[in-house]
Amino acid sequence: MSGLPGTGKTTIARELARRLNGVFLRADTIAQALIAAEVMKDDDNPTAYIVGYAVAEENLRTGATVIADYVNGLALTRQAWRDVAARAGVPFHAIEVICSDMAEHRRRVETRASDIAGLVLPTWQQVAGRTYEKWDAGTTTIDTFTTGLEDAVAGLLVQLGKSRSDH
C-alpha cells in the first residue's frame, strides 16, 4: 500500500488488514519507534524500510497476509517489496493510493493529527516537494477523492480473490 502522506493509504491499509486478519506494517510506526529509541535521528532514513522488509518476509513465510503501509516513492523500494514476496513465494499486489484533487489533498495534510506519540507529520510543502516516481503499469490505483473507504476495501478484496465469507 503506497502513496504520498495524506492520501488515505493508512486508513485503507488498516481496514484491509483488519478484514483479512493480516499483519499491518506501518513505516511511521517503525520509524517513530526507532527515533524514540535514538537509533535514528529522523525518518529520512532507509532503516524503517529495511526493518519492514525483514518483518514482512518473516510473516509471509508463516502464511500471513501482510499489508505494508509505506510511501514507496521510489521504484527501488517498490522492487524491494516485490523481492520480499518472491523470496517468500507469495503473490505481490502493488496498490497506490492517490488523492487526485490537490486542494483536498492539501487540506488533509494540513488538518490531520498524528496517532503515533511523538510523530511529527510532514507539512504540505514537504509532501508536495517529495520525490515520487511514476508507477509502472499493473498497479492498482485507488483515488480517495472519488472512492470512499468501504468501496476501496471492497474492491481490493474482490481483486485479491477474497469474498465476504472469506473474511
Protein backbone atom coordinates (compact mmCIF):
# COMPACT_ATOMS: atom_id res chain seq x y z
CA MET A 1 0.00 0.00 0.00
CA SER A 2 1.80 3.06 -1.23
CA GLY A 3 1.20 6.76 -1.76
CA LEU A 4 2.07 10.19 -0.52
CA PRO A 5 1.20 11.21 3.04
CA GLY A 6 -2.38 12.40 3.39
CA THR A 7 -3.86 10.32 0.56
CA GLY A 8 -5.63 7.87 2.87
CA LYS A 9 -3.35 4.86 2.49
CA THR A 10 -3.13 4.18 6.23
CA THR A 11 -6.90 4.22 6.63
CA ILE A 12 -7.33 1.77 3.75
CA ALA A 13 -4.37 -0.42 4.75
CA ARG A 14 -5.56 -0.68 8.35
CA GLU A 15 -9.09 -1.66 7.32
CA LEU A 16 -7.87 -4.13 4.71
CA ALA A 17 -5.56 -5.76 7.28
CA ARG A 18 -8.44 -5.94 9.76
CA ARG A 19 -10.75 -7.63 7.26
CA LEU A 20 -8.08 -10.08 6.14
CA ASN A 21 -6.85 -10.69 9.68
CA GLY A 22 -3.48 -9.71 8.25
CA VAL A 23 -0.31 -8.19 9.58
CA PHE A 24 -0.32 -4.38 9.32
CA LEU A 25 3.16 -2.89 8.89
CA ARG A 26 3.36 0.88 9.00
CA ALA A 27 6.52 2.79 8.16
CA ASP A 28 5.60 5.64 10.52
CA THR A 29 5.24 3.27 13.49
CA ILE A 30 8.59 1.60 12.82
CA ALA A 31 10.39 4.89 12.13
CA GLN A 32 8.99 6.62 15.23
CA ALA A 33 9.94 3.68 17.45
CA LEU A 34 13.50 3.84 16.10
CA ILE A 35 13.59 7.63 16.56
CA ALA A 36 12.30 7.33 20.13
CA ALA A 37 14.98 4.70 20.85
CA GLU A 38 17.56 7.09 19.35
CA VAL A 39 18.51 4.54 16.68
CA MET A 40 17.52 7.07 14.00
CA LYS A 41 17.53 10.88 14.07
CA ASP A 42 14.63 11.39 11.66
CA ASP A 43 12.53 9.46 9.20
CA ASP A 44 14.72 10.42 6.22
CA ASN A 45 16.49 7.11 6.60
CA PRO A 46 16.07 3.70 4.90
CA THR A 47 16.11 1.82 8.22
CA ALA A 48 12.31 1.70 8.60
CA TYR A 49 12.09 0.18 5.12
CA ILE A 50 14.81 -2.40 5.85
CA VAL A 51 13.13 -3.43 9.11
CA GLY A 52 9.77 -3.57 7.32
CA TYR A 53 11.11 -5.83 4.59
CA ALA A 54 12.50 -8.28 7.15
CA VAL A 55 9.36 -8.35 9.30
CA ALA A 56 7.13 -8.70 6.23
CA GLU A 57 9.17 -11.58 4.81
CA GLU A 58 9.14 -13.48 8.08
CA ASN A 59 5.36 -13.08 8.41
CA LEU A 60 4.77 -14.05 4.78
CA ARG A 61 6.80 -17.22 5.30
CA THR A 62 4.44 -18.19 8.14
CA GLY A 63 1.46 -17.87 5.79
CA ALA A 64 0.26 -14.47 6.98
CA THR A 65 -1.11 -11.78 4.71
CA VAL A 66 0.97 -8.62 5.09
CA ILE A 67 -0.30 -5.13 4.33
CA ALA A 68 2.68 -2.78 4.22
CA ASP A 69 1.84 0.93 4.58
CA TYR A 70 4.81 2.83 3.12
CA VAL A 71 5.15 5.85 0.82
CA ASN A 72 7.32 3.87 -1.63
CA GLY A 73 8.08 6.94 -3.68
CA LEU A 74 10.94 5.25 -5.49
CA ALA A 75 10.90 2.36 -7.94
CA LEU A 76 13.77 0.90 -5.88
CA THR A 77 11.60 0.46 -2.77
CA ARG A 78 8.70 -0.91 -4.79
CA GLN A 79 11.02 -3.52 -6.29
CA ALA A 80 12.32 -4.40 -2.84
CA TRP A 81 8.75 -5.27 -1.72
CA ARG A 82 8.32 -7.41 -4.86
CA ASP A 83 11.57 -9.17 -3.99
CA VAL A 84 10.34 -9.83 -0.43
CA ALA A 85 7.19 -11.51 -1.80
CA ALA A 86 9.21 -13.51 -4.34
CA ARG A 87 11.62 -14.80 -1.68
CA ALA A 88 8.63 -15.82 0.46
CA GLY A 89 6.98 -17.48 -2.54
CA VAL A 90 3.75 -15.48 -2.36
CA PRO A 91 1.90 -13.16 -4.75
CA PHE A 92 2.60 -9.43 -4.64
CA HIS A 93 -0.07 -6.79 -5.19
CA ALA A 94 1.02 -3.21 -5.93
CA ILE A 95 -1.56 -0.73 -4.66
CA GLU A 96 -1.09 3.02 -4.99
CA VAL A 97 -3.37 5.40 -3.10
CA ILE A 98 -3.77 8.90 -4.50
CA CYS A 99 -5.95 11.95 -3.93
CA SER A 100 -6.49 13.47 -7.37
CA ASP A 101 -7.76 16.81 -6.06
CA MET A 102 -4.74 18.86 -4.97
CA ALA A 103 -6.78 21.24 -2.79
CA GLU A 104 -8.37 18.31 -0.94
CA HIS A 105 -5.03 16.55 -0.58
CA ARG A 106 -3.51 19.71 0.86
CA ARG A 107 -6.45 20.14 3.26
CA ARG A 108 -6.00 16.59 4.52
CA VAL A 109 -2.26 17.03 5.05
CA GLU A 110 -2.72 20.34 6.85
CA THR A 111 -5.56 19.22 9.13
CA ARG A 112 -4.70 15.69 10.14
CA ALA A 113 -3.47 14.75 13.58
CA SER A 114 -0.84 12.15 14.38
CA ASP A 115 -1.99 8.94 16.05
CA ILE A 116 1.60 7.95 16.94
CA ALA A 117 3.16 9.52 20.03
CA GLY A 118 6.00 11.86 19.08
CA LEU A 119 5.44 11.61 15.33
CA VAL A 120 5.73 14.97 13.61
CA LEU A 121 3.64 14.91 10.44
CA PRO A 122 5.04 16.41 7.25
CA THR A 123 3.92 19.83 6.10
CA TRP A 124 2.20 20.33 2.77
CA GLN A 125 5.43 21.78 1.38
CA GLN A 126 7.31 18.62 2.39
CA VAL A 127 4.66 16.35 0.84
CA ALA A 128 4.39 18.37 -2.38
CA GLY A 129 8.19 18.53 -2.74
CA ARG A 130 8.81 14.86 -2.07
CA THR A 131 10.40 12.72 -4.77
CA TYR A 132 7.69 10.41 -6.05
CA GLU A 133 8.44 8.45 -9.20
CA LYS A 134 5.74 7.39 -11.64
CA TRP A 135 4.36 3.89 -11.17
CA ASP A 136 4.66 1.12 -13.73
CA ALA A 137 1.67 -0.49 -15.42
CA GLY A 138 -0.01 -3.26 -13.45
CA THR A 139 -0.53 -1.21 -10.31
CA THR A 140 -3.96 -0.87 -8.75
CA THR A 141 -4.65 2.81 -8.15
CA ILE A 142 -7.26 3.99 -5.66
CA ASP A 143 -8.28 7.64 -5.80
CA THR A 144 -9.62 8.58 -2.37
CA PHE A 145 -11.07 11.79 -3.74
CA THR A 146 -13.58 9.76 -5.76
CA THR A 147 -13.69 6.46 -3.82
CA GLY A 148 -14.73 6.05 -0.19
CA LEU A 149 -13.19 3.65 2.31
CA GLU A 150 -15.84 0.93 2.02
CA ASP A 151 -15.76 0.86 -1.78
CA ALA A 152 -11.94 0.92 -1.83
CA VAL A 153 -11.62 -2.01 0.58
CA ALA A 154 -14.43 -3.99 -1.07
CA GLY A 155 -12.77 -3.53 -4.47
CA LEU A 156 -9.42 -4.66 -3.12
CA LEU A 157 -10.96 -7.74 -1.51
CA VAL A 158 -12.51 -8.70 -4.84
CA GLN A 159 -9.20 -8.13 -6.62
CA LEU A 160 -7.40 -10.26 -4.04
CA GLY A 161 -9.96 -13.03 -4.55
CA LYS A 162 -11.46 -12.71 -1.09
CA SER A 163 -15.24 -12.99 -0.87
CA ARG A 164 -17.29 -11.72 2.06
CA SER A 165 -17.38 -15.25 3.50
CA ASP A 166 -13.57 -15.36 3.47
CA HIS A 167 -13.14 -12.52 5.95
